[in-house]
């Protein structure tokens, strides 16, 4: 066999060994489970309806920029909702969500029940529940968000159905009459506003000369009609361009910032400003932009009025009033925690102090705590879920006994009004018992025989042998034997036993030659032959060996076997190649 062939064999062995180790490694990996923890989808929505932006009926229809509300009720009772679980709510075309993300809070504690995340691109709101739902029972409430008709997808006037999907289940929950985009006439003076994601920031836009007029000595004045707010410094800007209409809206195109060409004056109180535009021709079209910052957090439904005035030579004053409606999506709810009262009394209904209890939630064996009754025999456990609990009495008051160790508290035991449950537990008094103790003194003569297995022991007693035992009445002969030893006493004739009442002397006379033979096969039966009323005590030592439990097989044996096989193959292959090379 040539060297190339031998080297080939050696390479094949290496490849084989690599495959074997890889296989074993794969088997070891397969024995290790992978656990993935993630939230689940839960359907907690039980009602959805549509109202106006103020929460009333939609009577006159909605315009292209007008919001309406989508309202929903939720109820988590019996849904086994955990922290991280979600509920998805989405709307269908031609609708858009105009609200920003919000939070659903407890109306009493202001704790967050769920985070509502708005995905405007996918027209979806995801409710992600917090650990509030694990610490409260029967949580329920409502939430709402604002929506509009997408006039770019539905420009015509007409009825628009409101389709809402909850966790992939779609339902028509209402409808709105859309007014359409209509025709927008150019104006000399107009004002619009836009509330930002941060509701404390409002952006305004004042349009001048959309209809292309010639006016001399033009000034624009702006007045805030609400307090505790101010113009954001540096945001008052003047732009010049050309207005055009798109989808019923006027937009300034080809804009140029001309702020430095005009005088802008802000009042001392910061509640108004004036822009001097000078002479305006039909070719001059302007837009004045600025921001207003509220010094407080507005609430949903709040309306902020703002008034702007245009003055010019020979021109009637034009007023543009804008009402910025604060429309903030939101939600609220309430969850409940429950109280358990334990009342400990005796069999005469008198309170007992000092009784110790352990309270355990049965569902997950969670130990709520250990408690001791006060002077009134009471224990109060707060902040419980509406669930089943086990009350285990660990210690009764001194002088009393425990008759029932465990007491169950079921979910239905908790009242729906005060959210509490009460358990009264009785301890009867301990029974008094009288105990009489009798002491007996016994004098015992012991003959001990030690035998090694399998040994035959022979004991010869030469005459005259006299064994005298003196025992005070009552005379007691006691034989004590530990298992697994059986002691048998046999008295052979001629033996004389004389018993005399106390003081009594027992005399035993044995004539020679008397032989006592004891034969024992270990570890079975020990037979002892003894004359007279003697006591034989035989004690055997018993050794018990406990087997240690085996550890679970970790695959070490297989691995060691592989190592041995690999070593043999490598050595053999190496020897063949080395021999051929030489």
Protein backbone atom coordinates (compact mmCIF):
# COMPACT_ATOMS: atom_id res chain seq x y z
CA UNK A 1 0.00 0.00 0.00
CA UNK A 2 1.51 3.36 -1.03
CA UNK A 3 1.90 6.47 1.10
CA UNK A 4 -0.85 8.42 -0.64
CA UNK A 5 -3.31 5.67 0.11
CA UNK A 6 -2.22 5.53 3.73
CA UNK A 7 -2.52 9.28 4.07
CA UNK A 8 -5.97 8.98 2.58
CA UNK A 9 -6.91 6.42 5.19
CA UNK A 10 -5.56 8.68 7.93
CA UNK A 11 -7.60 11.62 6.60
CA UNK A 12 -10.72 9.47 6.43
CA UNK A 13 -10.24 8.51 10.08
CA UNK A 14 -9.95 12.17 11.07
CA UNK A 15 -13.13 13.03 9.18
CA UNK A 16 -14.95 10.11 10.82
CA UNK A 17 -13.87 11.21 14.27
CA UNK A 18 -14.95 14.78 13.58
CA UNK A 19 -18.38 13.55 12.53
CA UNK A 20 -18.71 11.41 15.68
CA UNK A 21 -17.84 14.30 17.97
CA UNK A 22 -20.22 16.60 16.12
CA UNK A 23 -23.03 14.05 16.45
CA UNK A 24 -22.44 13.70 20.16
CA UNK A 25 -22.34 17.48 20.56
CA UNK A 26 -25.63 17.75 18.72
CA UNK A 27 -27.22 15.18 21.00
CA UNK A 28 -26.02 17.08 24.05
CA UNK A 29 -27.48 20.31 22.70
CA UNK A 30 -30.80 18.69 21.98
CA UNK A 31 -31.15 17.82 25.65
CA UNK A 32 -31.12 21.52 26.65
CA UNK A 33 -34.57 23.12 26.17
CA UNK A 34 -34.94 26.68 24.91
CA UNK A 35 -37.58 28.81 26.62
CA UNK A 36 -39.09 31.85 24.90
CA UNK A 37 -41.24 34.25 26.92
CA UNK A 38 -43.44 36.77 25.12
CA UNK A 39 -46.79 38.50 25.57
CA UNK A 40 -49.93 37.07 24.03
CA UNK A 41 -52.87 38.69 22.25
CA UNK A 42 -55.95 39.06 24.43
CA UNK A 43 -59.38 40.24 23.31
CA UNK A 44 -60.60 42.50 26.10
CA UNK A 45 -62.85 44.79 23.97
CA UNK A 46 -66.57 44.33 24.58
CA UNK A 47 -68.06 47.44 22.90
CA UNK A 48 -67.09 50.02 20.24
CA UNK A 49 -69.06 53.03 19.01
CA UNK A 50 -68.62 56.29 17.08
CA UNK A 51 -69.42 59.81 18.36
CA UNK A 52 -68.65 63.42 17.46
CA UNK A 53 -65.43 65.03 18.58
CA UNK A 54 -67.29 66.28 21.65
CA UNK A 55 -68.66 62.86 22.50
CA UNK A 56 -72.19 63.48 21.18
CA UNK A 57 -74.10 62.41 18.11
CA UNK A 58 -72.76 63.27 14.65
CA UNK A 59 -75.63 65.25 13.15
CA UNK A 60 -74.26 67.50 10.40
CA UNK A 61 -71.56 65.23 9.03
CA UNK A 62 -67.81 65.82 9.13
CA UNK A 63 -65.52 67.99 7.03
CA UNK A 64 -62.17 67.05 5.55
CA UNK A 65 -60.21 68.23 8.58
CA UNK A 66 -62.79 67.36 11.18
CA UNK A 67 -62.17 64.68 13.76
CA UNK A 68 -64.64 62.24 15.24
CA UNK A 69 -64.25 59.82 18.13
CA UNK A 70 -63.99 56.04 18.20
CA UNK A 71 -64.84 54.84 21.71
CA UNK A 72 -64.20 51.38 23.18
CA UNK A 73 -64.92 49.58 26.45
CA UNK A 74 -62.63 46.87 27.81
CA UNK A 75 -63.02 44.28 30.56
CA UNK A 76 -60.21 42.01 31.79
CA UNK A 77 -62.29 39.88 34.18
CA UNK A 78 -61.67 36.18 33.58
CA UNK A 79 -59.20 36.82 30.72
CA UNK A 80 -55.99 35.84 32.60
CA UNK A 81 -54.21 38.95 31.31
CA UNK A 82 -50.54 39.32 32.24
CA UNK A 83 -48.03 42.15 31.97
CA UNK A 84 -46.84 42.40 28.37
CA UNK A 85 -50.04 41.02 26.84
CA UNK A 86 -51.52 43.17 24.05
CA UNK A 87 -54.77 44.04 22.32
CA UNK A 88 -54.59 45.45 18.77
CA UNK A 89 -57.27 47.81 17.45
CA UNK A 90 -57.09 49.05 13.85
CA UNK A 91 -59.33 50.96 11.41
CA UNK A 92 -59.84 50.48 7.68
CA UNK A 93 -59.66 52.80 4.66
CA UNK A 94 -60.59 55.53 3.97
CA UNK A 95 -59.95 56.45 7.60
CA UNK A 96 -56.84 57.70 9.36
CA UNK A 97 -55.93 57.93 13.05
CA UNK A 98 -55.24 61.54 14.01
CA UNK A 99 -54.34 60.90 17.68
CA UNK A 100 -50.96 60.37 19.24
CA UNK A 101 -49.95 57.59 21.64
CA UNK A 102 -51.51 57.77 25.08
CA UNK A 103 -51.89 55.89 28.36
CA UNK A 104 -54.82 54.27 30.12
CA UNK A 105 -54.72 55.09 33.83
CA UNK A 106 -56.49 54.16 37.03
CA UNK A 107 -58.99 56.90 37.86
CA UNK A 108 -58.20 56.73 41.57
CA UNK A 109 -54.47 56.05 41.81
CA UNK A 110 -53.32 57.31 38.39
CA UNK A 111 -51.37 54.09 37.90
CA UNK A 112 -50.86 53.05 34.28
CA UNK A 113 -53.06 50.13 33.30
CA UNK A 114 -51.91 49.95 29.66
CA UNK A 115 -49.77 51.83 27.15
CA UNK A 116 -51.65 52.69 23.95
CA UNK A 117 -49.16 52.99 21.09
CA UNK A 118 -50.43 54.61 17.88
CA UNK A 119 -49.08 53.40 14.53
CA UNK A 120 -50.51 55.99 12.12
CA UNK A 121 -48.97 54.39 9.05
CA UNK A 122 -50.74 51.08 9.74
CA UNK A 123 -53.81 52.74 11.31
CA UNK A 124 -53.40 50.67 14.45
CA UNK A 125 -53.43 51.16 18.21
CA UNK A 126 -51.75 48.52 20.39
CA UNK A 127 -52.70 48.29 24.05
CA UNK A 128 -49.84 46.78 26.07
CA UNK A 129 -50.84 45.96 29.64
CA UNK A 130 -48.61 46.67 32.62
CA UNK A 131 -48.18 44.67 35.83
CA UNK A 132 -51.15 46.62 37.17
CA UNK A 133 -53.37 43.89 35.69
CA UNK A 134 -51.54 41.22 37.74
CA UNK A 135 -51.98 43.15 40.99
CA UNK A 136 -55.67 43.99 40.53
CA UNK A 137 -58.79 41.98 39.78
CA UNK A 138 -61.85 42.73 37.63
CA UNK A 139 -60.04 45.58 35.84
CA UNK A 140 -62.28 47.40 33.38
CA UNK A 141 -62.69 50.80 31.76
CA UNK A 142 -62.80 52.63 28.46
CA UNK A 143 -60.62 54.51 25.99
CA UNK A 144 -61.09 56.63 22.88
CA UNK A 145 -59.09 58.04 20.01
CA UNK A 146 -59.69 60.50 17.19
CA UNK A 147 -59.99 59.69 13.52
CA UNK A 148 -60.67 61.48 10.22
CA UNK A 149 -61.80 60.63 6.73
CA UNK A 150 -58.81 60.51 4.41
CA UNK A 151 -60.06 63.01 1.82
CA UNK A 152 -57.26 62.07 -0.58
CA UNK A 153 -58.70 58.54 -0.80
CA UNK A 154 -62.33 59.63 -0.47
CA UNK A 155 -62.73 63.18 -1.89
CA UNK A 156 -66.42 62.90 -2.68
CA UNK A 157 -69.21 63.57 -0.23
CA UNK A 158 -71.07 60.53 1.01
CA UNK A 159 -71.48 57.92 3.71
CA UNK A 160 -68.33 56.29 5.07
CA UNK A 161 -68.57 53.07 7.14
CA UNK A 162 -66.38 52.77 10.24
CA UNK A 163 -64.71 49.35 10.21
CA UNK A 164 -62.72 48.39 13.33
CA UNK A 165 -60.55 45.28 13.65
CA UNK A 166 -59.71 43.81 17.06
CA UNK A 167 -57.07 41.08 16.98
CA UNK A 168 -57.85 40.29 13.31
CA UNK A 169 -61.65 40.26 13.78
CA UNK A 170 -63.32 43.06 11.76
CA UNK A 171 -66.66 44.65 12.64
CA UNK A 172 -68.58 47.68 11.29
CA UNK A 173 -69.24 49.79 14.38
CA UNK A 174 -70.89 52.84 12.78
CA UNK A 175 -70.80 55.37 9.94
CA UNK A 176 -70.22 59.09 9.24
CA UNK A 177 -71.47 61.41 6.52
CA UNK A 178 -68.49 63.02 4.84
CA UNK A 179 -69.02 66.47 3.38
CA UNK A 180 -66.31 66.08 0.77
CA UNK A 181 -63.46 68.45 -0.01
CA UNK A 182 -65.73 71.01 -1.74
CA UNK A 183 -64.49 74.25 -3.27
CA UNK A 184 -62.26 76.62 -1.34
CA UNK A 185 -62.50 80.29 -2.25
CA UNK A 186 -59.39 82.47 -1.93
CA UNK A 187 -59.49 84.92 0.99
CA UNK A 188 -57.81 88.18 1.89
CA UNK A 189 -57.16 87.06 5.44
CA UNK A 190 -57.31 83.56 7.01
CA UNK A 191 -55.87 81.73 10.01
CA UNK A 192 -55.36 78.05 10.88
CA UNK A 193 -53.71 76.18 13.78
CA UNK A 194 -52.29 72.74 14.46
CA UNK A 195 -51.84 71.11 17.87
CA UNK A 196 -48.60 69.09 17.96
CA UNK A 197 -47.78 65.72 19.47
CA UNK A 198 -46.87 67.68 22.56
CA UNK A 199 -50.26 69.30 23.34
CA UNK A 200 -48.57 72.25 25.02
CA UNK A 201 -47.21 73.39 21.63
CA UNK A 202 -49.53 74.96 19.01
CA UNK A 203 -48.44 76.08 15.54
CA UNK A 204 -50.32 78.91 13.81
CA UNK A 205 -50.39 80.16 10.21
CA UNK A 206 -51.88 83.49 9.01
CA UNK A 207 -52.46 83.82 5.25
CA UNK A 208 -52.57 87.29 3.61
CA UNK A 209 -53.84 88.20 0.11
CA UNK A 210 -54.81 84.84 -1.38
CA UNK A 211 -57.28 86.81 -3.55
CA UNK A 212 -54.57 89.16 -4.88
CA UNK A 213 -55.67 92.68 -3.82
CA UNK A 214 -53.83 96.00 -3.66
CA UNK A 215 -53.79 97.48 -0.13
CA UNK A 216 -51.75 100.32 1.34
CA UNK A 217 -50.13 100.43 4.76
CA UNK A 218 -51.01 96.90 5.83
CA UNK A 219 -50.40 95.71 9.40
CA UNK A 220 -51.30 92.35 10.98
CA UNK A 221 -52.00 92.09 14.70
CA UNK A 222 -52.32 88.84 16.65
CA UNK A 223 -53.90 88.52 20.10
CA UNK A 224 -53.92 85.48 22.36
CA UNK A 225 -57.36 85.04 23.92
CA UNK A 226 -56.06 82.76 26.67
CA UNK A 227 -53.54 83.27 29.46
CA UNK A 228 -50.70 81.23 30.93
CA UNK A 229 -49.13 80.96 27.48
CA UNK A 230 -46.51 82.79 25.46
CA UNK A 231 -45.11 83.14 21.95
CA UNK A 232 -42.06 80.99 21.42
CA UNK A 233 -39.12 83.31 20.95
CA UNK A 234 -37.70 83.35 17.44
CA UNK A 235 -40.61 81.49 15.81
CA UNK A 236 -42.45 84.57 14.40
CA UNK A 237 -41.46 84.45 10.71
CA UNK A 238 -42.77 86.17 7.56
CA UNK A 239 -42.70 84.25 4.24
CA UNK A 240 -43.49 85.46 0.74
CA UNK A 241 -44.57 83.23 -2.14
CA UNK A 242 -47.47 82.20 -4.36
CA UNK A 243 -50.73 80.60 -3.15
CA UNK A 244 -52.33 77.69 -4.94
CA UNK A 245 -55.21 75.35 -4.13
CA UNK A 246 -54.69 71.61 -3.78
CA UNK A 247 -57.51 69.28 -2.72
CA UNK A 248 -59.49 72.19 -1.33
CA UNK A 249 -56.58 73.63 0.67
CA UNK A 250 -54.49 76.75 -0.03
CA UNK A 251 -50.73 76.39 0.19
CA UNK A 252 -47.90 78.91 -0.19
CA UNK A 253 -45.35 77.74 -2.74
CA UNK A 254 -41.88 79.00 -3.69
CA UNK A 255 -41.50 80.54 -0.23
CA UNK A 256 -38.88 83.11 0.71
CA UNK A 257 -38.16 84.18 4.28
CA UNK A 258 -38.59 88.01 4.32
CA UNK A 259 -38.82 88.48 8.09
CA UNK A 260 -35.88 90.89 8.17
CA UNK A 261 -37.68 93.13 5.63
CA UNK A 262 -40.55 93.83 8.01
CA UNK A 263 -40.90 95.14 11.54
CA UNK A 264 -42.14 92.63 14.10
CA UNK A 265 -43.11 94.00 17.53
CA UNK A 266 -44.12 91.86 20.53
CA UNK A 267 -46.11 93.51 23.35
CA UNK A 268 -44.65 93.92 26.80
CA UNK A 269 -47.04 91.38 28.30
CA UNK A 270 -46.20 88.84 25.60
CA UNK A 271 -49.85 88.33 24.69
CA UNK A 272 -49.78 89.99 21.24
CA UNK A 273 -47.52 91.01 18.37
CA UNK A 274 -47.72 93.26 15.27
CA UNK A 275 -46.18 92.75 11.80
CA UNK A 276 -45.85 95.76 9.47
CA UNK A 277 -46.19 94.52 5.85
CA UNK A 278 -46.37 98.02 4.28
CA UNK A 279 -47.98 98.39 0.86
CA UNK A 280 -49.27 95.11 -0.55
CA UNK A 281 -49.86 94.62 -4.26
CA UNK A 282 -51.71 91.84 -6.03
CA UNK A 283 -48.35 90.16 -6.61
CA UNK A 284 -47.56 90.15 -2.88
CA UNK A 285 -48.81 87.10 -1.00
CA UNK A 286 -47.66 86.36 2.54
CA UNK A 287 -47.87 83.78 5.29
CA UNK A 288 -46.98 84.56 8.90
CA UNK A 289 -45.98 81.50 10.98
CA UNK A 290 -45.45 81.33 14.75
CA UNK A 291 -45.62 78.96 17.74
CA UNK A 292 -47.34 79.32 21.09
CA UNK A 293 -46.26 77.41 24.18
CA UNK A 294 -48.75 76.68 26.96
CA UNK A 295 -47.37 76.87 30.49
CA UNK A 296 -49.64 74.04 31.63
CA UNK A 297 -50.90 70.70 30.35
CA UNK A 298 -54.25 71.11 28.57
CA UNK A 299 -57.03 68.57 28.83
CA UNK A 300 -59.01 66.89 26.12
CA UNK A 301 -61.82 69.06 24.80
CA UNK A 302 -60.20 72.34 25.80
CA UNK A 303 -60.69 75.14 23.23
CA UNK A 304 -58.08 77.88 22.80
CA UNK A 305 -59.29 80.96 20.93
CA UNK A 306 -56.89 83.20 19.04
CA UNK A 307 -57.76 86.37 17.10
CA UNK A 308 -55.86 88.08 14.31
CA UNK A 309 -56.68 91.47 12.71
CA UNK A 310 -55.68 92.99 9.34
CA UNK A 311 -55.65 96.77 9.00
CA UNK A 312 -55.03 98.80 5.84
CA UNK A 313 -55.65 102.23 4.39
CA UNK A 314 -59.21 102.41 3.19
CA UNK A 315 -59.84 98.77 4.02
CA UNK A 316 -62.34 97.47 6.53
CA UNK A 317 -60.71 95.63 9.40
CA UNK A 318 -60.70 91.92 8.78
CA UNK A 319 -60.71 89.61 11.79
CA UNK A 320 -59.69 85.99 11.64
CA UNK A 321 -60.68 84.01 14.71
CA UNK A 322 -59.23 80.59 15.22
CA UNK A 323 -60.34 78.08 17.82
CA UNK A 324 -57.72 75.45 18.53
CA UNK A 325 -59.41 72.40 19.92
CA UNK A 326 -57.29 70.24 22.16
CA UNK A 327 -58.14 66.69 21.23
CA UNK A 328 -56.10 64.20 23.19
CA UNK A 329 -56.85 60.51 23.05
CA UNK A 330 -57.05 58.84 26.39
CA UNK A 331 -58.52 56.18 28.54
CA UNK A 332 -59.26 55.30 32.08
CA UNK A 333 -60.22 52.35 34.14
CA UNK A 334 -60.32 50.85 37.55
CA UNK A 335 -59.09 47.61 39.00
CA UNK A 336 -59.75 46.28 42.46
CA UNK A 337 -57.70 44.84 45.29
CA UNK A 338 -59.38 42.82 48.00
CA UNK A 339 -59.13 42.48 51.77
CA UNK A 340 -59.27 39.32 53.86
CA UNK A 341 -60.38 39.45 57.52
CA UNK A 342 -59.60 36.52 59.84
CA UNK A 343 -61.48 36.45 63.17
CA UNK A 344 -60.36 33.95 65.83
CA UNK A 345 -62.71 33.03 68.72
CA UNK A 346 -63.14 30.27 71.31
CA UNK A 347 -66.12 27.96 71.57
CA UNK A 348 -67.93 30.67 73.57
CA UNK A 349 -67.38 33.20 70.75
CA UNK A 350 -64.82 35.17 72.71
CA UNK A 351 -61.88 36.64 70.74
CA UNK A 352 -58.52 34.90 70.98
CA UNK A 353 -55.16 36.61 70.61
CA UNK A 354 -51.92 34.88 69.62
CA UNK A 355 -53.22 32.51 66.93
CA UNK A 356 -50.71 32.27 64.08
CA UNK A 357 -51.82 31.81 60.45
CA UNK A 358 -50.14 31.39 57.07
CA UNK A 359 -52.02 32.72 54.02
CA UNK A 360 -51.27 31.06 50.67
CA UNK A 361 -52.70 31.81 47.21
CA UNK A 362 -53.70 28.40 45.87
CA UNK A 363 -53.21 29.15 42.13
CA UNK A 364 -49.42 29.42 42.36
CA UNK A 365 -48.69 28.47 46.00
CA UNK A 366 -47.59 32.02 46.68
CA UNK A 367 -47.13 32.63 50.38
CA UNK A 368 -48.79 35.94 51.09
CA UNK A 369 -47.44 36.04 54.63
CA UNK A 370 -47.71 34.82 58.22
CA UNK A 371 -49.89 36.72 60.67
CA UNK A 372 -50.85 36.64 64.38
CA UNK A 373 -54.26 37.61 65.75
CA UNK A 374 -54.39 40.79 67.83
CA UNK A 375 -56.17 41.39 71.14
CA UNK A 376 -59.49 41.42 69.30
CA UNK A 377 -58.73 38.10 67.61
CA UNK A 378 -58.37 39.82 64.23
CA UNK A 379 -56.02 39.62 61.25
CA UNK A 380 -56.38 41.88 58.20
CA UNK A 381 -54.62 41.05 54.92
CA UNK A 382 -54.78 43.76 52.26
CA UNK A 383 -54.01 44.11 48.54
CA UNK A 384 -55.19 40.64 47.51
CA UNK A 385 -56.45 39.49 44.14
CA UNK A 386 -59.94 38.06 43.83
CA UNK A 387 -58.83 34.43 43.99
CA UNK A 388 -58.77 31.29 46.16
CA UNK A 389 -56.63 31.27 49.31
CA UNK A 390 -55.72 28.66 51.95
CA UNK A 391 -55.53 29.77 55.60
CA UNK A 392 -53.31 27.39 57.57
CA UNK A 393 -53.33 27.73 61.36
CA UNK A 394 -49.75 27.20 62.48
CA UNK A 395 -50.18 27.77 66.19
CA UNK A 396 -53.20 27.98 68.44
CA UNK A 397 -53.39 30.33 71.44
CA UNK A 398 -52.09 28.88 74.70
CA UNK A 399 -54.64 26.54 76.27
CA UNK A 400 -56.51 25.96 73.02
CA UNK A 401 -56.35 23.32 70.34
CA UNK A 402 -56.55 23.35 66.51
CA UNK A 403 -59.50 21.39 65.16
CA UNK A 404 -59.24 22.36 61.48
CA UNK A 405 -55.76 23.23 60.22
CA UNK A 406 -56.73 24.59 56.78
CA UNK A 407 -59.58 26.94 55.89
CA UNK A 408 -60.43 27.79 52.26
CA UNK A 409 -61.35 31.25 51.02
CA UNK A 410 -62.92 31.15 47.54
CA UNK A 411 -63.08 33.97 45.02
CA UNK A 412 -66.86 34.21 45.39
CA UNK A 413 -66.42 34.82 49.13
CA UNK A 414 -65.19 38.35 48.41
CA UNK A 415 -67.97 40.92 48.42
CA UNK A 416 -68.55 42.99 45.31
CA UNK A 417 -69.40 46.09 47.34
CA UNK A 418 -66.61 46.44 49.87
CA UNK A 419 -64.27 43.95 48.13
CA UNK A 420 -63.56 41.96 51.27
CA UNK A 421 -64.11 38.52 52.80
CA UNK A 422 -64.30 37.45 56.46
CA UNK A 423 -63.54 34.03 57.94
CA UNK A 424 -64.33 33.22 61.59
CA UNK A 425 -62.30 30.30 62.96
CA UNK A 426 -63.02 28.59 66.33
CA UNK A 427 -60.46 27.12 68.74
CA UNK A 428 -61.90 24.94 71.57
CA UNK A 429 -60.13 24.69 74.92
CA UNK A 430 -57.72 21.82 75.49
CA UNK A 431 -59.13 18.87 77.52
CA UNK A 432 -57.59 18.28 81.00
CA UNK A 433 -56.37 14.68 81.67
CA UNK A 434 -54.99 12.97 84.92
CA UNK A 435 -51.98 10.65 84.61
CA UNK A 436 -50.91 8.05 87.30
CA UNK A 437 -47.30 6.89 87.24
CA UNK A 438 -46.23 3.52 88.85
CA UNK A 439 -42.56 2.75 89.53
CA UNK A 440 -41.37 -0.88 89.90
CA UNK A 441 -37.86 -1.80 91.05
CA UNK A 442 -36.47 -5.12 89.82
CA UNK A 443 -33.21 -6.88 90.68
CA UNK A 444 -32.05 -8.97 87.75
CA UNK A 445 -29.32 -11.60 87.45
CA UNK A 446 -27.99 -11.67 83.91
CA UNK A 447 -26.08 -14.44 82.20
CA UNK A 448 -24.56 -13.24 78.92
CA UNK A 449 -23.45 -15.64 76.21
CA UNK A 450 -21.51 -14.36 73.21
CA UNK A 451 -21.38 -16.64 70.19
CA UNK A 452 -19.47 -16.15 66.95
CA UNK A 453 -21.15 -17.60 63.88
CA UNK A 454 -21.07 -20.38 62.88
CA UNK A 455 -19.64 -21.45 66.26
CA UNK A 456 -21.01 -24.02 68.67
CA UNK A 457 -20.49 -22.99 72.26
CA UNK A 458 -20.45 -25.63 74.98
CA UNK A 459 -20.70 -24.64 78.63
CA UNK A 460 -20.08 -27.25 81.32
CA UNK A 461 -20.99 -26.55 84.92
CA UNK A 462 -19.39 -28.78 87.58
CA UNK A 463 -21.36 -29.82 90.63
CA UNK A 464 -22.08 -28.68 93.09
CA UNK A 465 -23.02 -25.38 91.52
CA UNK A 466 -25.51 -23.28 93.33
CA UNK A 467 -27.16 -20.18 91.89
CA UNK A 468 -28.97 -18.20 94.50
CA UNK A 469 -31.21 -15.31 93.57
CA UNK A 470 -32.93 -13.22 96.17
CA UNK A 471 -35.79 -11.10 94.86
CA UNK A 472 -38.29 -8.97 96.74
CA UNK A 473 -41.89 -9.70 95.80
CA UNK A 474 -43.24 -9.25 93.30
CA UNK A 475 -40.53 -11.21 91.47
CA UNK A 476 -40.14 -10.23 87.81
CA UNK A 477 -38.28 -12.20 85.20
CA UNK A 478 -37.52 -10.00 82.16
CA UNK A 479 -36.19 -11.20 78.85
CA UNK A 480 -35.18 -8.48 76.36
CA UNK A 481 -34.33 -9.42 72.80
CA UNK A 482 -33.58 -7.10 69.89
CA UNK A 483 -34.68 -8.20 66.44
CA UNK A 484 -33.72 -10.07 64.42
CA UNK A 485 -32.64 -12.33 67.36
CA UNK A 486 -34.95 -14.92 68.84
CA UNK A 487 -34.14 -16.00 72.40
CA UNK A 488 -35.47 -19.36 73.60
CA UNK A 489 -34.95 -20.50 77.21
CA UNK A 490 -35.26 -24.19 78.05
CA UNK A 491 -34.83 -25.66 81.54
CA UNK A 492 -33.91 -29.31 81.70
CA UNK A 493 -34.49 -31.66 84.64
CA UNK A 494 -33.25 -32.37 87.13
CA UNK A 495 -33.78 -28.76 88.31
CA UNK A 496 -35.40 -27.78 91.56
CA UNK A 497 -36.85 -24.31 91.99
CA UNK A 498 -37.90 -23.25 95.48
CA UNK A 499 -39.91 -20.02 95.90
CA UNK A 500 -40.51 -18.43 99.29
CA UNK A 501 -42.62 -15.32 100.02
CA UNK A 502 -40.70 -12.26 100.96
CA UNK A 503 -38.17 -12.15 102.02
CA UNK A 504 -37.90 -14.99 99.51
CA UNK A 505 -34.80 -16.84 98.47
CA UNK A 506 -34.75 -18.94 95.35
CA UNK A 507 -32.24 -21.83 95.53
CA UNK A 508 -31.32 -23.92 92.55
CA UNK A 509 -29.22 -27.12 92.98
CA UNK A 510 -27.75 -28.88 90.02
CA UNK A 511 -26.25 -32.37 90.40
CA UNK A 512 -23.00 -33.11 88.71
CA UNK A 513 -22.27 -33.67 86.04
CA UNK A 514 -24.58 -31.10 84.56
CA UNK A 515 -23.87 -29.79 81.05
CA UNK A 516 -25.43 -26.82 79.41
CA UNK A 517 -25.02 -26.77 75.64
CA UNK A 518 -25.83 -23.76 73.49
CA UNK A 519 -25.69 -24.07 69.74
CA UNK A 520 -26.39 -21.02 67.56
CA UNK A 521 -26.17 -20.59 63.81
CA UNK A 522 -25.70 -16.95 62.94
CA UNK A 523 -27.61 -14.97 62.20
CA UNK A 524 -30.70 -17.16 62.85
CA UNK A 525 -31.69 -18.53 66.25
CA UNK A 526 -29.88 -18.30 69.56
CA UNK A 527 -30.82 -21.10 72.00
CA UNK A 528 -29.77 -20.68 75.63
CA UNK A 529 -30.18 -23.39 78.28
CA UNK A 530 -30.13 -21.96 81.78
CA UNK A 531 -31.03 -23.30 85.19
CA UNK A 532 -33.05 -21.22 87.56
CA UNK A 533 -35.04 -17.98 87.18
CA UNK A 534 -32.29 -16.07 85.40
CA UNK A 535 -32.58 -13.30 82.85
CA UNK A 536 -30.83 -13.69 79.53
CA UNK A 537 -30.16 -10.55 77.54
CA UNK A 538 -28.85 -10.98 73.99
CA UNK A 539 -27.92 -7.95 71.94
CA UNK A 540 -26.97 -7.98 68.26
CA UNK A 541 -25.52 -5.10 66.31
CA UNK A 542 -27.35 -4.36 63.08
CA UNK A 543 -25.61 -2.42 60.31
CA UNK A 544 -27.79 -0.65 57.72
CA UNK A 545 -26.26 0.64 54.49
CA UNK A 546 -28.17 3.24 52.45
CA UNK A 547 -27.67 3.36 48.72
CA UNK A 548 -26.98 6.83 47.35
CA UNK A 549 -29.30 7.92 44.57
CA UNK A 550 -27.69 7.94 41.17
CA UNK A 551 -27.22 11.24 39.42
CA UNK A 552 -28.99 11.63 36.10
CA UNK A 553 -27.02 10.48 33.09
CA UNK A 554 -25.28 13.45 31.57
CA UNK A 555 -23.79 11.63 28.64
CA UNK A 556 -20.32 11.32 30.20
CA UNK A 557 -20.21 7.59 29.50
CA UNK A 558 -20.90 8.07 25.82
CA UNK A 559 -18.32 10.79 25.66
CA UNK A 560 -15.66 8.65 27.33
CA UNK A 561 -16.41 5.80 24.93
CA UNK A 562 -15.93 8.15 22.01
CA UNK A 563 -12.59 9.28 23.42
CA UNK A 564 -11.40 5.67 23.67
CA UNK A 565 -12.51 4.83 20.11
CA UNK A 566 -10.92 7.99 18.80
CA UNK A 567 -7.63 7.27 20.52
CA UNK A 568 -7.48 3.73 19.13
CA UNK A 569 -8.24 4.84 15.60
CA UNK A 570 -5.73 7.69 15.70
CA UNK A 571 -2.94 5.52 17.07
CA UNK A 572 -3.60 2.78 14.52
CA UNK A 573 -3.74 5.19 11.61
CA UNK A 574 -0.59 6.95 12.76
CA UNK A 575 1.31 3.65 13.09
CA UNK A 576 0.35 2.53 9.58
CA UNK A 577 1.41 5.82 8.04
CA UNK A 578 4.66 5.98 10.02
CA UNK A 579 5.59 2.39 9.02
CA UNK A 580 4.99 3.12 5.37
CA UNK A 581 7.06 6.28 5.48
CA UNK A 582 10.02 4.42 6.97
